[in-house]
Amino acid sequence: MHTSITSPAIESRLQFEGGTLQFWARFPVQIRTASETDEELTEALLQLLEGNPEIKEAVTSLPLLQPSVKG
């Protein structure tokens, strides 16, 4: 059987909803390491927010981080 399957890719969207700007990103991970990957990315984002004065000034509150699994 010859079939081509599209490789998983990062998906992202920026949208304005309910008076707030929202950005979400989905990225392929191995399901058995998904929680560790989520933790690493969350930590990296928080470090970016804390360590960059321009970003820190532009963000009025901590972002809401929600992991999701798309099956």
PDB file of N, CA and C in Angstrom:
ATOM      1  N   MET A   1       0.838  -1.164   0.000  1.00  0.00           N
ATOM      2  CA  MET A   1       0.000   0.000   0.000  1.00  0.00           C
ATOM      3  C   MET A   1       0.890   1.237   0.000  1.00  0.00           C
ATOM      4  N   HIS A   2       0.648   2.130  -0.919  1.00  0.00           N
ATOM      5  CA  HIS A   2       1.412   3.366  -1.020  1.00  0.00           C
ATOM      6  C   HIS A   2       0.512   4.535  -0.647  1.00  0.00           C
ATOM      7  N   THR A   3       0.811   5.118   0.494  1.00  0.00           N
ATOM      8  CA  THR A   3       0.022   6.239   0.983  1.00  0.00           C
ATOM      9  C   THR A   3       0.961   7.292   1.541  1.00  0.00           C
ATOM     10  N   SER A   4       0.643   8.524   1.288  1.00  0.00           N
ATOM     11  CA  SER A   4       1.445   9.583   1.885  1.00  0.00           C
ATOM     12  C   SER A   4       0.671  10.174   3.057  1.00  0.00           C
ATOM     13  N   ILE A   5       1.390  10.424   4.120  1.00  0.00           N
ATOM     14  CA  ILE A   5       0.802  11.013   5.318  1.00  0.00           C
ATOM     15  C   ILE A   5       1.530  12.320   5.581  1.00  0.00           C
ATOM     16  N   THR A   6       0.765  13.360   5.812  1.00  0.00           N
ATOM     17  CA  THR A   6       1.349  14.649   6.105  1.00  0.00           C
ATOM     18  C   THR A   6       1.984  14.611   7.490  1.00  0.00           C
ATOM     19  N   SER A   7       3.196  15.099   7.582  1.00  0.00           N
ATOM     20  CA  SER A   7       3.887  15.153   8.868  1.00  0.00           C
ATOM     21  C   SER A   7       3.185  16.140   9.790  1.00  0.00           C
ATOM     22  N   PRO A   8       3.171  15.847  11.086  1.00  0.00           N
ATOM     23  CA  PRO A   8       2.599  16.815  12.030  1.00  0.00           C
ATOM     24  C   PRO A   8       3.370  18.118  11.977  1.00  0.00           C
ATOM     25  N   ALA A   9       2.673  19.208  12.195  1.00  0.00           N
ATOM     26  CA  ALA A   9       3.309  20.522  12.137  1.00  0.00           C
ATOM     27  C   ALA A   9       2.753  21.414  13.240  1.00  0.00           C
ATOM     28  N   ILE A  10       3.480  22.460  13.539  1.00  0.00           N
ATOM     29  CA  ILE A  10       3.020  23.430  14.527  1.00  0.00           C
ATOM     30  C   ILE A  10       1.872  24.229  13.927  1.00  0.00           C
ATOM     31  N   GLU A  11       0.826  24.417  14.719  1.00  0.00           N
ATOM     32  CA  GLU A  11      -0.310  25.250  14.332  1.00  0.00           C
ATOM     33  C   GLU A  11      -0.388  26.395  15.327  1.00  0.00           C
ATOM     34  N   SER A  12      -0.661  27.600  14.857  1.00  0.00           N
ATOM     35  CA  SER A  12      -0.831  28.721  15.774  1.00  0.00           C
ATOM     36  C   SER A  12      -1.897  29.660  15.242  1.00  0.00           C
ATOM     37  N   ARG A  13      -2.521  30.364  16.185  1.00  0.00           N
ATOM     38  CA  ARG A  13      -3.544  31.342  15.822  1.00  0.00           C
ATOM     39  C   ARG A  13      -3.466  32.515  16.781  1.00  0.00           C
ATOM     40  N   LEU A  14      -3.716  33.689  16.250  1.00  0.00           N
ATOM     41  CA  LEU A  14      -3.818  34.900  17.042  1.00  0.00           C
ATOM     42  C   LEU A  14      -5.215  35.443  16.798  1.00  0.00           C
ATOM     43  N   GLN A  15      -5.952  35.676  17.880  1.00  0.00           N
ATOM     44  CA  GLN A  15      -7.325  36.138  17.710  1.00  0.00           C
ATOM     45  C   GLN A  15      -7.697  37.118  18.820  1.00  0.00           C
ATOM     46  N   PHE A  16      -8.652  37.961  18.537  1.00  0.00           N
ATOM     47  CA  PHE A  16      -9.170  38.916  19.505  1.00  0.00           C
ATOM     48  C   PHE A  16     -10.537  38.422  19.927  1.00  0.00           C
ATOM     49  N   GLU A  17     -10.685  38.109  21.218  1.00  0.00           N
ATOM     50  CA  GLU A  17     -11.945  37.555  21.699  1.00  0.00           C
ATOM     51  C   GLU A  17     -12.242  38.084  23.092  1.00  0.00           C
ATOM     52  N   GLY A  18     -13.454  38.544  23.286  1.00  0.00           N
ATOM     53  CA  GLY A  18     -13.874  39.016  24.600  1.00  0.00           C
ATOM     54  C   GLY A  18     -13.025  40.160  25.137  1.00  0.00           C
ATOM     55  N   GLY A  19     -12.536  41.014  24.261  1.00  0.00           N
ATOM     56  CA  GLY A  19     -11.732  42.143  24.679  1.00  0.00           C
ATOM     57  C   GLY A  19     -10.282  41.817  24.969  1.00  0.00           C
ATOM     58  N   THR A  20      -9.873  40.590  24.713  1.00  0.00           N
ATOM     59  CA  THR A  20      -8.480  40.213  24.958  1.00  0.00           C
ATOM     60  C   THR A  20      -7.869  39.616  23.698  1.00  0.00           C
ATOM     61  N   LEU A  21      -6.582  39.777  23.596  1.00  0.00           N
ATOM     62  CA  LEU A  21      -5.830  39.182  22.509  1.00  0.00           C
ATOM     63  C   LEU A  21      -5.395  37.792  22.949  1.00  0.00           C
ATOM     64  N   GLN A  22      -5.698  36.793  22.147  1.00  0.00           N
ATOM     65  CA  GLN A  22      -5.360  35.416  22.489  1.00  0.00           C
ATOM     66  C   GLN A  22      -4.442  34.827  21.428  1.00  0.00           C
ATOM     67  N   PHE A  23      -3.448  34.095  21.884  1.00  0.00           N
ATOM     68  CA  PHE A  23      -2.556  33.364  20.999  1.00  0.00           C
ATOM     69  C   PHE A  23      -2.523  31.933  21.484  1.00  0.00           C
ATOM     70  N   TRP A  24      -2.722  31.011  20.578  1.00  0.00           N
ATOM     71  CA  TRP A  24      -2.577  29.605  20.959  1.00  0.00           C
ATOM     72  C   TRP A  24      -1.718  28.902  19.933  1.00  0.00           C
ATOM     73  N   ALA A  25      -1.024  27.933  20.433  1.00  0.00           N
ATOM     74  CA  ALA A  25      -0.143  27.146  19.571  1.00  0.00           C
ATOM     75  C   ALA A  25      -0.301  25.679  19.919  1.00  0.00           C
ATOM     76  N   ARG A  26      -0.369  24.872  18.915  1.00  0.00           N
ATOM     77  CA  ARG A  26      -0.380  23.413  19.082  1.00  0.00           C
ATOM     78  C   ARG A  26       0.828  22.877  18.345  1.00  0.00           C
ATOM     79  N   PHE A  27       1.478  21.928  18.956  1.00  0.00           N
ATOM     80  CA  PHE A  27       2.676  21.382  18.347  1.00  0.00           C
ATOM     81  C   PHE A  27       2.717  19.892  18.606  1.00  0.00           C
ATOM     82  N   PRO A  28       3.287  19.159  17.678  1.00  0.00           N
ATOM     83  CA  PRO A  28       3.327  17.702  17.841  1.00  0.00           C
ATOM     84  C   PRO A  28       4.353  17.297  18.897  1.00  0.00           C
ATOM     85  N   VAL A  29       3.940  16.405  19.769  1.00  0.00           N
ATOM     86  CA  VAL A  29       4.836  15.826  20.772  1.00  0.00           C
ATOM     87  C   VAL A  29       4.504  14.341  20.896  1.00  0.00           C
ATOM     88  N   GLN A  30       5.421  13.616  21.429  1.00  0.00           N
ATOM     89  CA  GLN A  30       5.127  12.215  21.715  1.00  0.00           C
ATOM     90  C   GLN A  30       4.252  12.187  22.955  1.00  0.00           C
ATOM     91  N   ILE A  31       3.165  11.467  22.891  1.00  0.00           N
ATOM     92  CA  ILE A  31       2.176  11.489  23.964  1.00  0.00           C
ATOM     93  C   ILE A  31       2.782  11.069  25.300  1.00  0.00           C
ATOM     94  N   ARG A  32       3.745  10.184  25.292  1.00  0.00           N
ATOM     95  CA  ARG A  32       4.323   9.724  26.557  1.00  0.00           C
ATOM     96  C   ARG A  32       5.195  10.789  27.220  1.00  0.00           C
ATOM     97  N   THR A  33       5.607  11.820  26.467  1.00  0.00           N
ATOM     98  CA  THR A  33       6.406  12.899  27.055  1.00  0.00           C
ATOM     99  C   THR A  33       5.682  14.248  26.990  1.00  0.00           C
ATOM    100  N   ALA A  34       4.395  14.215  26.722  1.00  0.00           N
ATOM    101  CA  ALA A  34       3.640  15.455  26.542  1.00  0.00           C
ATOM    102  C   ALA A  34       3.661  16.328  27.792  1.00  0.00           C
ATOM    103  N   SER A  35       3.510  15.752  28.965  1.00  0.00           N
ATOM    104  CA  SER A  35       3.473  16.572  30.179  1.00  0.00           C
ATOM    105  C   SER A  35       4.825  17.222  30.455  1.00  0.00           C
ATOM    106  N   GLU A  36       5.917  16.505  30.197  1.00  0.00           N
ATOM    107  CA  GLU A  36       7.244  17.081  30.393  1.00  0.00           C
ATOM    108  C   GLU A  36       7.491  18.214  29.395  1.00  0.00           C
ATOM    109  N   THR A  37       7.076  18.011  28.150  1.00  0.00           N
ATOM    110  CA  THR A  37       7.229  19.043  27.125  1.00  0.00           C
ATOM    111  C   THR A  37       6.406  20.273  27.488  1.00  0.00           C
ATOM    112  N   ASP A  38       5.189  20.054  27.954  1.00  0.00           N
ATOM    113  CA  ASP A  38       4.328  21.152  28.378  1.00  0.00           C
ATOM    114  C   ASP A  38       4.984  21.943  29.508  1.00  0.00           C
ATOM    115  N   GLU A  39       5.545  21.251  30.474  1.00  0.00           N
ATOM    116  CA  GLU A  39       6.211  21.912  31.599  1.00  0.00           C
ATOM    117  C   GLU A  39       7.412  22.739  31.130  1.00  0.00           C
ATOM    118  N   GLU A  40       8.206  22.190  30.234  1.00  0.00           N
ATOM    119  CA  GLU A  40       9.375  22.902  29.714  1.00  0.00           C
ATOM    120  C   GLU A  40       8.968  24.162  28.955  1.00  0.00           C
ATOM    121  N   LEU A  41       7.955  24.054  28.122  1.00  0.00           N
ATOM    122  CA  LEU A  41       7.505  25.216  27.356  1.00  0.00           C
ATOM    123  C   LEU A  41       6.882  26.275  28.256  1.00  0.00           C
ATOM    124  N   THR A  42       6.137  25.860  29.249  1.00  0.00           N
ATOM    125  CA  THR A  42       5.543  26.797  30.199  1.00  0.00           C
ATOM    126  C   THR A  42       6.638  27.552  30.938  1.00  0.00           C
ATOM    127  N   GLU A  43       7.636  26.830  31.417  1.00  0.00           N
ATOM    128  CA  GLU A  43       8.757  27.459  32.126  1.00  0.00           C
ATOM    129  C   GLU A  43       9.504  28.435  31.220  1.00  0.00           C
ATOM    130  N   ALA A  44       9.732  28.059  29.977  1.00  0.00           N
ATOM    131  CA  ALA A  44      10.429  28.938  29.028  1.00  0.00           C
ATOM    132  C   ALA A  44       9.616  30.213  28.772  1.00  0.00           C
ATOM    133  N   LEU A  45       8.309  30.086  28.644  1.00  0.00           N
ATOM    134  CA  LEU A  45       7.458  31.254  28.421  1.00  0.00           C
ATOM    135  C   LEU A  45       7.487  32.179  29.626  1.00  0.00           C
ATOM    136  N   LEU A  46       7.380  31.630  30.819  1.00  0.00           N
ATOM    137  CA  LEU A  46       7.409  32.450  32.026  1.00  0.00           C
ATOM    138  C   LEU A  46       8.766  33.145  32.197  1.00  0.00           C
ATOM    139  N   GLN A  47       9.846  32.462  31.860  1.00  0.00           N
ATOM    140  CA  GLN A  47      11.167  33.078  31.925  1.00  0.00           C
ATOM    141  C   GLN A  47      11.291  34.214  30.912  1.00  0.00           C
ATOM    142  N   LEU A  48      10.727  34.025  29.721  1.00  0.00           N
ATOM    143  CA  LEU A  48      10.729  35.079  28.705  1.00  0.00           C
ATOM    144  C   LEU A  48       9.978  36.303  29.206  1.00  0.00           C
ATOM    145  N   LEU A  49       8.799  36.079  29.794  1.00  0.00           N
ATOM    146  CA  LEU A  49       8.007  37.190  30.306  1.00  0.00           C
ATOM    147  C   LEU A  49       8.743  37.918  31.427  1.00  0.00           C
ATOM    148  N   GLU A  50       9.394  37.186  32.292  1.00  0.00           N
ATOM    149  CA  GLU A  50      10.087  37.784  33.429  1.00  0.00           C
ATOM    150  C   GLU A  50      11.395  38.458  33.015  1.00  0.00           C
ATOM    151  N   GLY A  51      12.089  37.893  32.055  1.00  0.00           N
ATOM    152  CA  GLY A  51      13.415  38.370  31.705  1.00  0.00           C
ATOM    153  C   GLY A  51      13.483  39.447  30.643  1.00  0.00           C
ATOM    154  N   ASN A  52      12.378  39.730  29.981  1.00  0.00           N
ATOM    155  CA  ASN A  52      12.377  40.716  28.913  1.00  0.00           C
ATOM    156  C   ASN A  52      11.522  41.911  29.337  1.00  0.00           C
ATOM    157  N   PRO A  53      12.147  43.049  29.670  1.00  0.00           N
ATOM    158  CA  PRO A  53      11.391  44.209  30.164  1.00  0.00           C
ATOM    159  C   PRO A  53      10.314  44.703  29.199  1.00  0.00           C
ATOM    160  N   GLU A  54      10.586  44.663  27.900  1.00  0.00           N
ATOM    161  CA  GLU A  54       9.591  45.149  26.931  1.00  0.00           C
ATOM    162  C   GLU A  54       8.354  44.258  26.924  1.00  0.00           C
ATOM    163  N   ILE A  55       8.566  42.955  26.957  1.00  0.00           N
ATOM    164  CA  ILE A  55       7.426  42.034  26.980  1.00  0.00           C
ATOM    165  C   ILE A  55       6.714  42.135  28.321  1.00  0.00           C
ATOM    166  N   LYS A  56       7.479  42.199  29.398  1.00  0.00           N
ATOM    167  CA  LYS A  56       6.888  42.287  30.736  1.00  0.00           C
ATOM    168  C   LYS A  56       6.002  43.524  30.861  1.00  0.00           C
ATOM    169  N   GLU A  57       6.435  44.631  30.291  1.00  0.00           N
ATOM    170  CA  GLU A  57       5.652  45.867  30.339  1.00  0.00           C
ATOM    171  C   GLU A  57       4.376  45.764  29.502  1.00  0.00           C
ATOM    172  N   ALA A  58       4.446  45.050  28.396  1.00  0.00           N
ATOM    173  CA  ALA A  58       3.297  44.942  27.492  1.00  0.00           C
ATOM    174  C   ALA A  58       2.225  43.984  28.009  1.00  0.00           C
ATOM    175  N   VAL A  59       2.621  43.043  28.856  1.00  0.00           N
ATOM    176  CA  VAL A  59       1.676  42.049  29.373  1.00  0.00           C
ATOM    177  C   VAL A  59       1.195  42.508  30.741  1.00  0.00           C
ATOM    178  N   THR A  60      -0.115  42.726  30.861  1.00  0.00           N
ATOM    179  CA  THR A  60      -0.651  43.267  32.113  1.00  0.00           C
ATOM    180  C   THR A  60      -0.911  42.210  33.177  1.00  0.00           C
ATOM    181  N   SER A  61      -1.014  40.965  32.779  1.00  0.00           N
ATOM    182  CA  SER A  61      -1.224  39.889  33.750  1.00  0.00           C
ATOM    183  C   SER A  61      -0.599  38.614  33.195  1.00  0.00           C
ATOM    184  N   LEU A  62      -0.396  37.642  34.078  1.00  0.00           N
ATOM    185  CA  LEU A  62       0.155  36.374  33.622  1.00  0.00           C
ATOM    186  C   LEU A  62      -0.785  35.713  32.617  1.00  0.00           C
ATOM    187  N   PRO A  63      -0.250  35.083  31.608  1.00  0.00           N
ATOM    188  CA  PRO A  63      -1.112  34.425  30.625  1.00  0.00           C
ATOM    189  C   PRO A  63      -1.777  33.195  31.211  1.00  0.00           C
ATOM    190  N   LEU A  64      -2.905  32.847  30.659  1.00  0.00           N
ATOM    191  CA  LEU A  64      -3.584  31.612  31.018  1.00  0.00           C
ATOM    192  C   LEU A  64      -3.015  30.524  30.118  1.00  0.00           C
ATOM    193  N   LEU A  65      -2.345  29.567  30.705  1.00  0.00           N
ATOM    194  CA  LEU A  65      -1.715  28.483  29.942  1.00  0.00           C
ATOM    195  C   LEU A  65      -2.548  27.229  30.117  1.00  0.00           C
ATOM    196  N   GLN A  66      -3.003  26.678  29.012  1.00  0.00           N
ATOM    197  CA  GLN A  66      -3.842  25.493  29.051  1.00  0.00           C
ATOM    198  C   GLN A  66      -3.297  24.436  28.099  1.00  0.00           C
ATOM    199  N   PRO A  67      -2.894  23.311  28.620  1.00  0.00           N
ATOM    200  CA  PRO A  67      -2.487  22.226  27.723  1.00  0.00           C
ATOM    201  C   PRO A  67      -3.728  21.626  27.067  1.00  0.00           C
ATOM    202  N   SER A  68      -3.546  21.145  25.876  1.00  0.00           N
ATOM    203  CA  SER A  68      -4.652  20.451  25.204  1.00  0.00           C
ATOM    204  C   SER A  68      -4.088  19.320  24.384  1.00  0.00           C
ATOM    205  N   VAL A  69      -4.873  18.294  24.258  1.00  0.00           N
ATOM    206  CA  VAL A  69      -4.482  17.154  23.448  1.00  0.00           C
ATOM    207  C   VAL A  69      -5.482  17.051  22.322  1.00  0.00           C
ATOM    208  N   LYS A  70      -4.968  17.052  21.114  1.00  0.00           N
ATOM    209  CA  LYS A  70      -5.818  16.928  19.938  1.00  0.00           C
ATOM    210  C   LYS A  70      -5.624  15.517  19.399  1.00  0.00           C
ATOM    211  N   GLY A  71      -6.684  14.770  19.398  1.00  0.00           N
ATOM    212  CA  GLY A  71      -6.552  13.373  19.020  1.00  0.00           C
ATOM    213  C   GLY A  71      -7.066  13.020  17.688  1.00  0.00           C
TER     214      GLY A  71
END
